[in-house]
Amino acid sequence: MSKFCTADEAMAGVHDGDIIAAHNWGLSGSPGYLFRALIERGVRDLTLCIPNFFPLPQGFVDMGFTDPTILLPQMKKIISPFIGARGILSSLSDALFSTVAQEGRLEVETSTHGVLIERLHAGAMGLGGFYSPVGVDTIVAESKEKRTIDGIQYVFEKSLCPDVGLIKADKADKSGNLVYRGSARGANPIIAMASKYTIAEVFDVVESGGLDPEMIVTPGIFVDRVVKIPDEDVYSRKGRPEIIQLLAEVWLTQSNQVEVATTEGGKQ
């Protein structure tokens, strides 16, 4: 059976109540094309496990880009070390999360980035969890097993084995092997290994044997479905120059705002 299909076909394996894991660190390495497909799938009561959860600037949204915050209406819980944003995105974050938090419509579980990734790694390795010194004697340790080992206190962190992993890679071959590009690799390989059902979105597809074996990071055994981003979509490789230009404009605007605020603050 071929692993290659459309996004809609791949989402047929996602169901109400699933735990979804995805990488998100801005646009780099984030499966935005699959986020859009997940919205269209319409499943509910999802738990989202993600390194960062914050909205994109409006300019990106106007171009057709998506971010994981569009999943809020379908979510019942989020597991993330970083929720919201600062600086130029702070007003967007406040408007987005204040109502949700006040109404208690979203359960929130936080940790550090390292603990989150290690929980996924433990799940990938078939382990039940691990002991961590992070969060000892804080609210993070409440209701968790504690143990002292060689005089050092630890709390037990359970492994994470998501029902569905949404990942992004640079290229795939016909066997589902994946290669990444630079920092866009992120948490994608760990998510692929830890998840029970992994969907990868990619820019390009080559024949089996068309990838340098030394460059393959995620073997096809960890990938269940591969979706090639259509060339006409904003997320395709053809759209990258537009992204770079818009990013430059956004950060230039932010820099100018910071400069103005600093100058005005110095005059007071």
C-alpha atoms as a PDB file:
ATOM      1  CA  MET A   1       0.000   0.000   0.000  1.00  0.00           C
ATOM      2  CA  SER A   2       1.383   3.407  -0.976  1.00  0.00           C
ATOM      3  CA  LYS A   3       2.067   5.880   1.817  1.00  0.00           C
ATOM      4  CA  PHE A   4       1.443   8.817  -0.493  1.00  0.00           C
ATOM      5  CA  CYS A   5      -1.955  10.483  -0.429  1.00  0.00           C
ATOM      6  CA  THR A   6      -3.748  13.800  -0.147  1.00  0.00           C
ATOM      7  CA  ALA A   7      -4.020  15.650   3.147  1.00  0.00           C
ATOM      8  CA  ASP A   8      -7.731  14.812   3.385  1.00  0.00           C
ATOM      9  CA  GLU A   9      -7.022  11.107   2.901  1.00  0.00           C
ATOM     10  CA  ALA A  10      -4.294  11.191   5.536  1.00  0.00           C
ATOM     11  CA  MET A  11      -6.597  12.906   8.038  1.00  0.00           C
ATOM     12  CA  ALA A  12      -9.070  10.036   7.802  1.00  0.00           C
ATOM     13  CA  GLY A  13      -6.884   8.354  10.434  1.00  0.00           C
ATOM     14  CA  VAL A  14      -7.444  11.171  12.957  1.00  0.00           C
ATOM     15  CA  HIS A  15     -10.361  10.821  15.378  1.00  0.00           C
ATOM     16  CA  ASP A  16     -12.161  12.659  18.181  1.00  0.00           C
ATOM     17  CA  GLY A  17     -10.224  12.646  21.445  1.00  0.00           C
ATOM     18  CA  ASP A  18      -6.826  11.940  19.856  1.00  0.00           C
ATOM     19  CA  ILE A  19      -3.556  13.226  21.273  1.00  0.00           C
ATOM     20  CA  ILE A  20      -1.862  15.193  18.475  1.00  0.00           C
ATOM     21  CA  ALA A  21       1.846  16.027  18.514  1.00  0.00           C
ATOM     22  CA  ALA A  22       3.414  18.594  16.195  1.00  0.00           C
ATOM     23  CA  HIS A  23       6.506  20.741  15.953  1.00  0.00           C
ATOM     24  CA  ASN A  24       6.119  24.516  16.016  1.00  0.00           C
ATOM     25  CA  TRP A  25       8.880  27.089  16.192  1.00  0.00           C
ATOM     26  CA  GLY A  26       7.588  29.791  13.900  1.00  0.00           C
ATOM     27  CA  LEU A  27       7.192  28.761  10.271  1.00  0.00           C
ATOM     28  CA  SER A  28      10.395  26.714  10.113  1.00  0.00           C
ATOM     29  CA  GLY A  29       9.642  23.009  10.311  1.00  0.00           C
ATOM     30  CA  SER A  30       6.009  23.505  11.323  1.00  0.00           C
ATOM     31  CA  PRO A  31       3.375  21.416   9.477  1.00  0.00           C
ATOM     32  CA  GLY A  32       1.102  24.335   8.593  1.00  0.00           C
ATOM     33  CA  TYR A  33      -0.384  22.591   5.569  1.00  0.00           C
ATOM     34  CA  LEU A  34      -1.473  19.708   7.813  1.00  0.00           C
ATOM     35  CA  PHE A  35      -2.848  22.092  10.471  1.00  0.00           C
ATOM     36  CA  ARG A  36      -5.190  23.416   7.814  1.00  0.00           C
ATOM     37  CA  ALA A  37      -6.251  19.889   6.846  1.00  0.00           C
ATOM     38  CA  LEU A  38      -6.866  18.996  10.497  1.00  0.00           C
ATOM     39  CA  ILE A  39      -9.243  21.937  10.827  1.00  0.00           C
ATOM     40  CA  GLU A  40     -11.159  20.711   7.789  1.00  0.00           C
ATOM     41  CA  ARG A  41     -11.324  17.204   9.279  1.00  0.00           C
ATOM     42  CA  GLY A  42     -13.484  18.667  12.064  1.00  0.00           C
ATOM     43  CA  VAL A  43     -12.474  16.294  14.868  1.00  0.00           C
ATOM     44  CA  ARG A  44     -13.066  17.464  18.445  1.00  0.00           C
ATOM     45  CA  ASP A  45     -11.743  17.110  22.007  1.00  0.00           C
ATOM     46  CA  LEU A  46      -8.129  16.987  20.891  1.00  0.00           C
ATOM     47  CA  THR A  47      -5.076  17.163  23.136  1.00  0.00           C
ATOM     48  CA  LEU A  48      -2.277  19.073  21.422  1.00  0.00           C
ATOM     49  CA  CYS A  49       1.327  18.373  22.406  1.00  0.00           C
ATOM     50  CA  ILE A  50       3.562  21.075  20.936  1.00  0.00           C
ATOM     51  CA  PRO A  51       6.811  22.926  21.833  1.00  0.00           C
ATOM     52  CA  ASN A  52       5.365  26.406  21.232  1.00  0.00           C
ATOM     53  CA  PHE A  53       1.805  27.641  20.884  1.00  0.00           C
ATOM     54  CA  PHE A  54       1.349  31.185  19.608  1.00  0.00           C
ATOM     55  CA  PRO A  55      -0.353  33.016  16.723  1.00  0.00           C
ATOM     56  CA  LEU A  56       1.300  34.240  13.545  1.00  0.00           C
ATOM     57  CA  PRO A  57       1.299  37.947  12.654  1.00  0.00           C
ATOM     58  CA  GLN A  58      -1.754  38.996  10.649  1.00  0.00           C
ATOM     59  CA  GLY A  59       0.277  39.470   7.488  1.00  0.00           C
ATOM     60  CA  PHE A  60       1.025  35.761   7.320  1.00  0.00           C
ATOM     61  CA  VAL A  61      -2.599  34.854   8.021  1.00  0.00           C
ATOM     62  CA  ASP A  62      -3.711  37.126   5.177  1.00  0.00           C
ATOM     63  CA  MET A  63      -1.412  35.206   2.834  1.00  0.00           C
ATOM     64  CA  GLY A  64      -3.022  31.903   3.782  1.00  0.00           C
ATOM     65  CA  PHE A  65      -0.597  30.630   6.407  1.00  0.00           C
ATOM     66  CA  THR A  66      -1.920  28.859   9.476  1.00  0.00           C
ATOM     67  CA  ASP A  67      -0.596  28.240  12.963  1.00  0.00           C
ATOM     68  CA  PRO A  68      -1.654  25.770  15.682  1.00  0.00           C
ATOM     69  CA  THR A  69      -3.877  28.337  17.406  1.00  0.00           C
ATOM     70  CA  ILE A  70      -6.505  27.737  14.715  1.00  0.00           C
ATOM     71  CA  LEU A  71      -7.069  24.375  16.413  1.00  0.00           C
ATOM     72  CA  LEU A  72      -8.328  26.002  19.639  1.00  0.00           C
ATOM     73  CA  PRO A  73     -12.026  25.364  18.901  1.00  0.00           C
ATOM     74  CA  GLN A  74     -11.245  21.647  18.524  1.00  0.00           C
ATOM     75  CA  MET A  75      -9.012  21.309  21.580  1.00  0.00           C
ATOM     76  CA  LYS A  76      -9.759  20.243  25.138  1.00  0.00           C
ATOM     77  CA  LYS A  77      -6.145  20.275  26.398  1.00  0.00           C
ATOM     78  CA  ILE A  78      -2.721  21.588  25.488  1.00  0.00           C
ATOM     79  CA  ILE A  79       0.679  20.296  26.623  1.00  0.00           C
ATOM     80  CA  SER A  80       3.276  22.956  25.870  1.00  0.00           C
ATOM     81  CA  PRO A  81       6.237  24.741  27.490  1.00  0.00           C
ATOM     82  CA  PHE A  82       5.510  28.054  25.771  1.00  0.00           C
ATOM     83  CA  ILE A  83       2.010  29.464  25.341  1.00  0.00           C
ATOM     84  CA  GLY A  84       1.353  32.931  23.958  1.00  0.00           C
ATOM     85  CA  ALA A  85       3.925  35.439  22.755  1.00  0.00           C
ATOM     86  CA  ARG A  86       5.719  38.649  23.632  1.00  0.00           C
ATOM     87  CA  GLY A  87       6.657  41.795  21.759  1.00  0.00           C
ATOM     88  CA  ILE A  88       4.926  42.345  18.437  1.00  0.00           C
ATOM     89  CA  LEU A  89       2.617  39.348  18.965  1.00  0.00           C
ATOM     90  CA  SER A  90       1.609  40.048  22.566  1.00  0.00           C
ATOM     91  CA  SER A  91      -1.679  41.790  21.704  1.00  0.00           C
ATOM     92  CA  LEU A  92      -2.672  38.899  19.451  1.00  0.00           C
ATOM     93  CA  SER A  93      -1.884  36.386  22.189  1.00  0.00           C
ATOM     94  CA  ASP A  94      -3.811  38.315  24.845  1.00  0.00           C
ATOM     95  CA  ALA A  95      -6.915  38.535  22.669  1.00  0.00           C
ATOM     96  CA  LEU A  96      -6.650  34.888  21.692  1.00  0.00           C
ATOM     97  CA  PHE A  97      -6.092  33.261  25.076  1.00  0.00           C
ATOM     98  CA  SER A  98      -7.776  35.522  27.632  1.00  0.00           C
ATOM     99  CA  THR A  99     -11.315  34.429  26.796  1.00  0.00           C
ATOM    100  CA  VAL A 100     -10.367  30.771  26.562  1.00  0.00           C
ATOM    101  CA  ALA A 101      -8.578  30.857  29.910  1.00  0.00           C
ATOM    102  CA  GLN A 102     -11.299  32.824  31.690  1.00  0.00           C
ATOM    103  CA  GLU A 103     -14.016  30.479  30.516  1.00  0.00           C
ATOM    104  CA  GLY A 104     -11.988  27.421  31.503  1.00  0.00           C
ATOM    105  CA  ARG A 105     -12.495  25.811  28.102  1.00  0.00           C
ATOM    106  CA  LEU A 106      -8.913  24.580  27.809  1.00  0.00           C
ATOM    107  CA  GLU A 107      -6.892  22.424  30.178  1.00  0.00           C
ATOM    108  CA  VAL A 108      -3.252  23.518  30.207  1.00  0.00           C
ATOM    109  CA  GLU A 109      -0.233  21.400  31.148  1.00  0.00           C
ATOM    110  CA  THR A 110       3.179  23.071  31.074  1.00  0.00           C
ATOM    111  CA  SER A 111       6.771  21.933  31.459  1.00  0.00           C
ATOM    112  CA  THR A 112      10.158  22.857  30.034  1.00  0.00           C
ATOM    113  CA  HIS A 113      11.095  22.259  26.410  1.00  0.00           C
ATOM    114  CA  GLY A 114      13.633  19.671  27.505  1.00  0.00           C
ATOM    115  CA  VAL A 115      11.160  17.695  29.603  1.00  0.00           C
ATOM    116  CA  LEU A 116       8.560  17.718  26.829  1.00  0.00           C
ATOM    117  CA  ILE A 117      10.996  16.396  24.227  1.00  0.00           C
ATOM    118  CA  GLU A 118      12.345  13.789  26.646  1.00  0.00           C
ATOM    119  CA  ARG A 119       8.790  12.577  27.358  1.00  0.00           C
ATOM    120  CA  LEU A 120       8.325  12.078  23.622  1.00  0.00           C
ATOM    121  CA  HIS A 121      11.734  10.412  23.391  1.00  0.00           C
ATOM    122  CA  ALA A 122      10.827   8.037  26.223  1.00  0.00           C
ATOM    123  CA  GLY A 123       7.647   7.150  24.357  1.00  0.00           C
ATOM    124  CA  ALA A 124       9.651   6.511  21.187  1.00  0.00           C
ATOM    125  CA  MET A 125      12.003   4.203  23.106  1.00  0.00           C
ATOM    126  CA  GLY A 126       9.139   2.231  24.645  1.00  0.00           C
ATOM    127  CA  LEU A 127       9.878   3.471  28.169  1.00  0.00           C
ATOM    128  CA  GLY A 128       7.280   4.263  30.788  1.00  0.00           C
ATOM    129  CA  GLY A 129       8.910   7.551  31.685  1.00  0.00           C
ATOM    130  CA  PHE A 130      11.949   9.005  33.447  1.00  0.00           C
ATOM    131  CA  TYR A 131      13.019  10.839  36.586  1.00  0.00           C
ATOM    132  CA  SER A 132      13.797  14.541  36.241  1.00  0.00           C
ATOM    133  CA  PRO A 133      15.146  17.093  38.740  1.00  0.00           C
ATOM    134  CA  VAL A 134      13.194  19.862  37.024  1.00  0.00           C
ATOM    135  CA  GLY A 135      10.300  21.209  39.061  1.00  0.00           C
ATOM    136  CA  VAL A 136      11.126  19.617  42.431  1.00  0.00           C
ATOM    137  CA  ASP A 137       9.266  21.416  45.263  1.00  0.00           C
ATOM    138  CA  THR A 138       7.095  23.383  42.811  1.00  0.00           C
ATOM    139  CA  ILE A 139       3.553  22.992  41.515  1.00  0.00           C
ATOM    140  CA  VAL A 140       5.059  21.027  38.618  1.00  0.00           C
ATOM    141  CA  ALA A 141       5.741  18.169  41.036  1.00  0.00           C
ATOM    142  CA  GLU A 142       2.224  18.043  42.475  1.00  0.00           C
ATOM    143  CA  SER A 143       0.555  14.635  42.112  1.00  0.00           C
ATOM    144  CA  LYS A 144       3.738  13.141  40.644  1.00  0.00           C
ATOM    145  CA  GLU A 145       5.886  10.395  42.068  1.00  0.00           C
ATOM    146  CA  LYS A 146       9.012  11.664  43.861  1.00  0.00           C
ATOM    147  CA  ARG A 147      12.221   9.758  44.425  1.00  0.00           C
ATOM    148  CA  THR A 148      15.633  10.516  45.886  1.00  0.00           C
ATOM    149  CA  ILE A 149      18.545   8.971  43.998  1.00  0.00           C
ATOM    150  CA  ASP A 150      22.098   9.430  45.293  1.00  0.00           C
ATOM    151  CA  GLY A 151      20.896  12.271  47.466  1.00  0.00           C
ATOM    152  CA  ILE A 152      19.203  14.163  44.624  1.00  0.00           C
ATOM    153  CA  GLN A 153      15.439  14.620  44.449  1.00  0.00           C
ATOM    154  CA  TYR A 154      13.565  13.805  41.244  1.00  0.00           C
ATOM    155  CA  VAL A 155       9.987  13.758  39.991  1.00  0.00           C
ATOM    156  CA  PHE A 156       8.683  11.124  37.626  1.00  0.00           C
ATOM    157  CA  GLU A 157       7.626  12.267  34.163  1.00  0.00           C
ATOM    158  CA  LYS A 158       5.454   9.882  32.154  1.00  0.00           C
ATOM    159  CA  SER A 159       6.311   9.168  28.551  1.00  0.00           C
ATOM    160  CA  LEU A 160       4.190  10.580  25.730  1.00  0.00           C
ATOM    161  CA  CYS A 161       2.968   8.371  22.883  1.00  0.00           C
ATOM    162  CA  PRO A 162       0.696  10.583  20.759  1.00  0.00           C
ATOM    163  CA  ASP A 163      -2.062   9.017  18.706  1.00  0.00           C
ATOM    164  CA  VAL A 164      -1.087  11.214  15.758  1.00  0.00           C
ATOM    165  CA  GLY A 165       2.135  12.986  14.819  1.00  0.00           C
ATOM    166  CA  LEU A 166       2.057  15.829  12.286  1.00  0.00           C
ATOM    167  CA  ILE A 167       5.541  16.523  10.954  1.00  0.00           C
ATOM    168  CA  LYS A 168       7.281  18.444   8.201  1.00  0.00           C
ATOM    169  CA  ALA A 169      10.325  17.367   6.192  1.00  0.00           C
ATOM    170  CA  ASP A 170      12.205  18.695   3.200  1.00  0.00           C
ATOM    171  CA  LYS A 171      12.065  15.576   1.012  1.00  0.00           C
ATOM    172  CA  ALA A 172      10.699  12.035   1.053  1.00  0.00           C
ATOM    173  CA  ASP A 173      11.422   9.052  -1.140  1.00  0.00           C
ATOM    174  CA  LYS A 174       8.821   6.545  -2.300  1.00  0.00           C
ATOM    175  CA  SER A 175       9.552   4.390   0.774  1.00  0.00           C
ATOM    176  CA  GLY A 176       8.690   7.222   3.146  1.00  0.00           C
ATOM    177  CA  ASN A 177      12.257   7.962   4.260  1.00  0.00           C
ATOM    178  CA  LEU A 178      12.667  11.619   5.213  1.00  0.00           C
ATOM    179  CA  VAL A 179      15.407  14.235   5.150  1.00  0.00           C
ATOM    180  CA  TYR A 180      15.233  17.659   6.778  1.00  0.00           C
ATOM    181  CA  ARG A 181      16.870  20.994   6.118  1.00  0.00           C
ATOM    182  CA  GLY A 182      18.770  22.839   8.832  1.00  0.00           C
ATOM    183  CA  SER A 183      16.910  23.933  11.937  1.00  0.00           C
ATOM    184  CA  ALA A 184      13.592  22.945  10.326  1.00  0.00           C
ATOM    185  CA  ARG A 185      14.344  19.461  11.639  1.00  0.00           C
ATOM    186  CA  GLY A 186      13.367  20.561  15.157  1.00  0.00           C
ATOM    187  CA  ALA A 187      11.329  17.998  17.094  1.00  0.00           C
ATOM    188  CA  ASN A 188       9.968  16.379  13.930  1.00  0.00           C
ATOM    189  CA  PRO A 189      12.093  13.186  14.071  1.00  0.00           C
ATOM    190  CA  ILE A 190      11.226  12.498  17.725  1.00  0.00           C
ATOM    191  CA  ILE A 191       7.523  13.106  17.078  1.00  0.00           C
ATOM    192  CA  ALA A 192       7.621  10.679  14.146  1.00  0.00           C
ATOM    193  CA  MET A 193       9.159   7.968  16.322  1.00  0.00           C
ATOM    194  CA  ALA A 194       6.874   8.506  19.313  1.00  0.00           C
ATOM    195  CA  SER A 195       3.537   8.708  17.478  1.00  0.00           C
ATOM    196  CA  LYS A 196       1.295   5.761  16.676  1.00  0.00           C
ATOM    197  CA  TYR A 197       0.233   7.307  13.354  1.00  0.00           C
ATOM    198  CA  THR A 198       2.580   9.770  11.645  1.00  0.00           C
ATOM    199  CA  ILE A 199       1.698  12.079   8.751  1.00  0.00           C
ATOM    200  CA  ALA A 200       4.507  13.978   7.036  1.00  0.00           C
ATOM    201  CA  GLU A 201       4.144  16.967   4.743  1.00  0.00           C
ATOM    202  CA  VAL A 202       7.057  17.457   2.342  1.00  0.00           C
ATOM    203  CA  PHE A 203       8.187  19.829  -0.383  1.00  0.00           C
ATOM    204  CA  ASP A 204       9.524  17.188  -2.779  1.00  0.00           C
ATOM    205  CA  VAL A 205       9.295  13.459  -3.485  1.00  0.00           C
ATOM    206  CA  VAL A 206      12.001  11.362  -5.146  1.00  0.00           C
ATOM    207  CA  GLU A 207      12.251   7.720  -6.162  1.00  0.00           C
ATOM    208  CA  SER A 208      13.420   5.105  -3.669  1.00  0.00           C
ATOM    209  CA  GLY A 209      17.189   5.294  -3.589  1.00  0.00           C
ATOM    210  CA  GLY A 210      17.116   8.957  -4.587  1.00  0.00           C
ATOM    211  CA  LEU A 211      18.133  10.155  -1.115  1.00  0.00           C
ATOM    212  CA  ASP A 212      21.653   9.927   0.244  1.00  0.00           C
ATOM    213  CA  PRO A 213      21.391   7.206   2.943  1.00  0.00           C
ATOM    214  CA  GLU A 214      23.735   9.215   5.167  1.00  0.00           C
ATOM    215  CA  MET A 215      21.284  12.132   5.088  1.00  0.00           C
ATOM    216  CA  ILE A 216      18.129  10.189   5.994  1.00  0.00           C
ATOM    217  CA  VAL A 217      17.041  11.123   9.516  1.00  0.00           C
ATOM    218  CA  THR A 218      13.593   9.529   9.767  1.00  0.00           C
ATOM    219  CA  PRO A 219      13.361   6.013   8.293  1.00  0.00           C
ATOM    220  CA  GLY A 220      10.136   5.201   6.466  1.00  0.00           C
ATOM    221  CA  ILE A 221       9.172   2.633   9.135  1.00  0.00           C
ATOM    222  CA  PHE A 222       8.163   5.576  11.348  1.00  0.00           C
ATOM    223  CA  VAL A 223       6.036   7.268   8.669  1.00  0.00           C
ATOM    224  CA  ASP A 224       2.497   6.148   7.856  1.00  0.00           C
ATOM    225  CA  ARG A 225       1.375   8.791   5.353  1.00  0.00           C
ATOM    226  CA  VAL A 226       3.238  11.307   3.190  1.00  0.00           C
ATOM    227  CA  VAL A 227       1.556  14.385   1.736  1.00  0.00           C
ATOM    228  CA  LYS A 228       3.335  16.439  -0.911  1.00  0.00           C
ATOM    229  CA  ILE A 229       2.491  20.110  -0.598  1.00  0.00           C
ATOM    230  CA  PRO A 230       0.896  21.223  -3.904  1.00  0.00           C
ATOM    231  CA  ASP A 231       3.087  23.593  -5.915  1.00  0.00           C
ATOM    232  CA  GLU A 232       0.326  26.201  -6.035  1.00  0.00           C
ATOM    233  CA  ASP A 233      -0.081  26.272  -2.241  1.00  0.00           C
ATOM    234  CA  VAL A 234       1.439  29.068  -0.161  1.00  0.00           C
ATOM    235  CA  TYR A 235       3.342  26.426   1.819  1.00  0.00           C
ATOM    236  CA  SER A 236       5.131  25.059  -1.251  1.00  0.00           C
ATOM    237  CA  ARG A 237       8.816  25.622  -1.919  1.00  0.00           C
ATOM    238  CA  LYS A 238       7.843  28.201  -4.547  1.00  0.00           C
ATOM    239  CA  GLY A 239       6.358  30.349  -1.817  1.00  0.00           C
ATOM    240  CA  ARG A 240       9.539  30.528   0.278  1.00  0.00           C
ATOM    241  CA  PRO A 241      10.825  33.842  -1.195  1.00  0.00           C
ATOM    242  CA  GLU A 242       7.548  35.517  -0.213  1.00  0.00           C
ATOM    243  CA  ILE A 243       7.905  34.167   3.323  1.00  0.00           C
ATOM    244  CA  ILE A 244      11.428  35.504   3.662  1.00  0.00           C
ATOM    245  CA  GLN A 245      10.359  38.926   2.421  1.00  0.00           C
ATOM    246  CA  LEU A 246       7.411  39.066   4.817  1.00  0.00           C
ATOM    247  CA  LEU A 247       9.556  37.908   7.745  1.00  0.00           C
ATOM    248  CA  ALA A 248      11.987  40.721   7.031  1.00  0.00           C
ATOM    249  CA  GLU A 249       9.132  43.238   7.022  1.00  0.00           C
ATOM    250  CA  VAL A 250       7.692  41.889  10.287  1.00  0.00           C
ATOM    251  CA  TRP A 251      10.997  41.976  12.167  1.00  0.00           C
ATOM    252  CA  LEU A 252      11.827  45.405  10.759  1.00  0.00           C
ATOM    253  CA  THR A 253       8.505  46.680  12.079  1.00  0.00           C
ATOM    254  CA  GLN A 254       9.203  45.109  15.463  1.00  0.00           C
ATOM    255  CA  SER A 255      12.679  46.653  15.606  1.00  0.00           C
ATOM    256  CA  ASN A 256      11.264  50.084  14.811  1.00  0.00           C
ATOM    257  CA  GLN A 257       8.630  49.728  17.534  1.00  0.00           C
ATOM    258  CA  VAL A 258      11.261  48.766  20.092  1.00  0.00           C
ATOM    259  CA  GLU A 259      13.476  51.677  19.033  1.00  0.00           C
ATOM    260  CA  VAL A 260      10.583  54.138  19.370  1.00  0.00           C
ATOM    261  CA  ALA A 261       9.605  52.770  22.777  1.00  0.00           C
ATOM    262  CA  THR A 262      13.211  52.982  23.989  1.00  0.00           C
ATOM    263  CA  THR A 263      13.566  56.550  22.752  1.00  0.00           C
ATOM    264  CA  GLU A 264      10.312  57.683  24.326  1.00  0.00           C
ATOM    265  CA  GLY A 265      11.196  55.948  27.564  1.00  0.00           C
ATOM    266  CA  GLY A 266      14.516  57.784  27.692  1.00  0.00           C
ATOM    267  CA  LYS A 267      12.794  61.159  27.360  1.00  0.00           C
ATOM    268  CA  GLN A 268      10.559  60.578  30.378  1.00  0.00           C
END
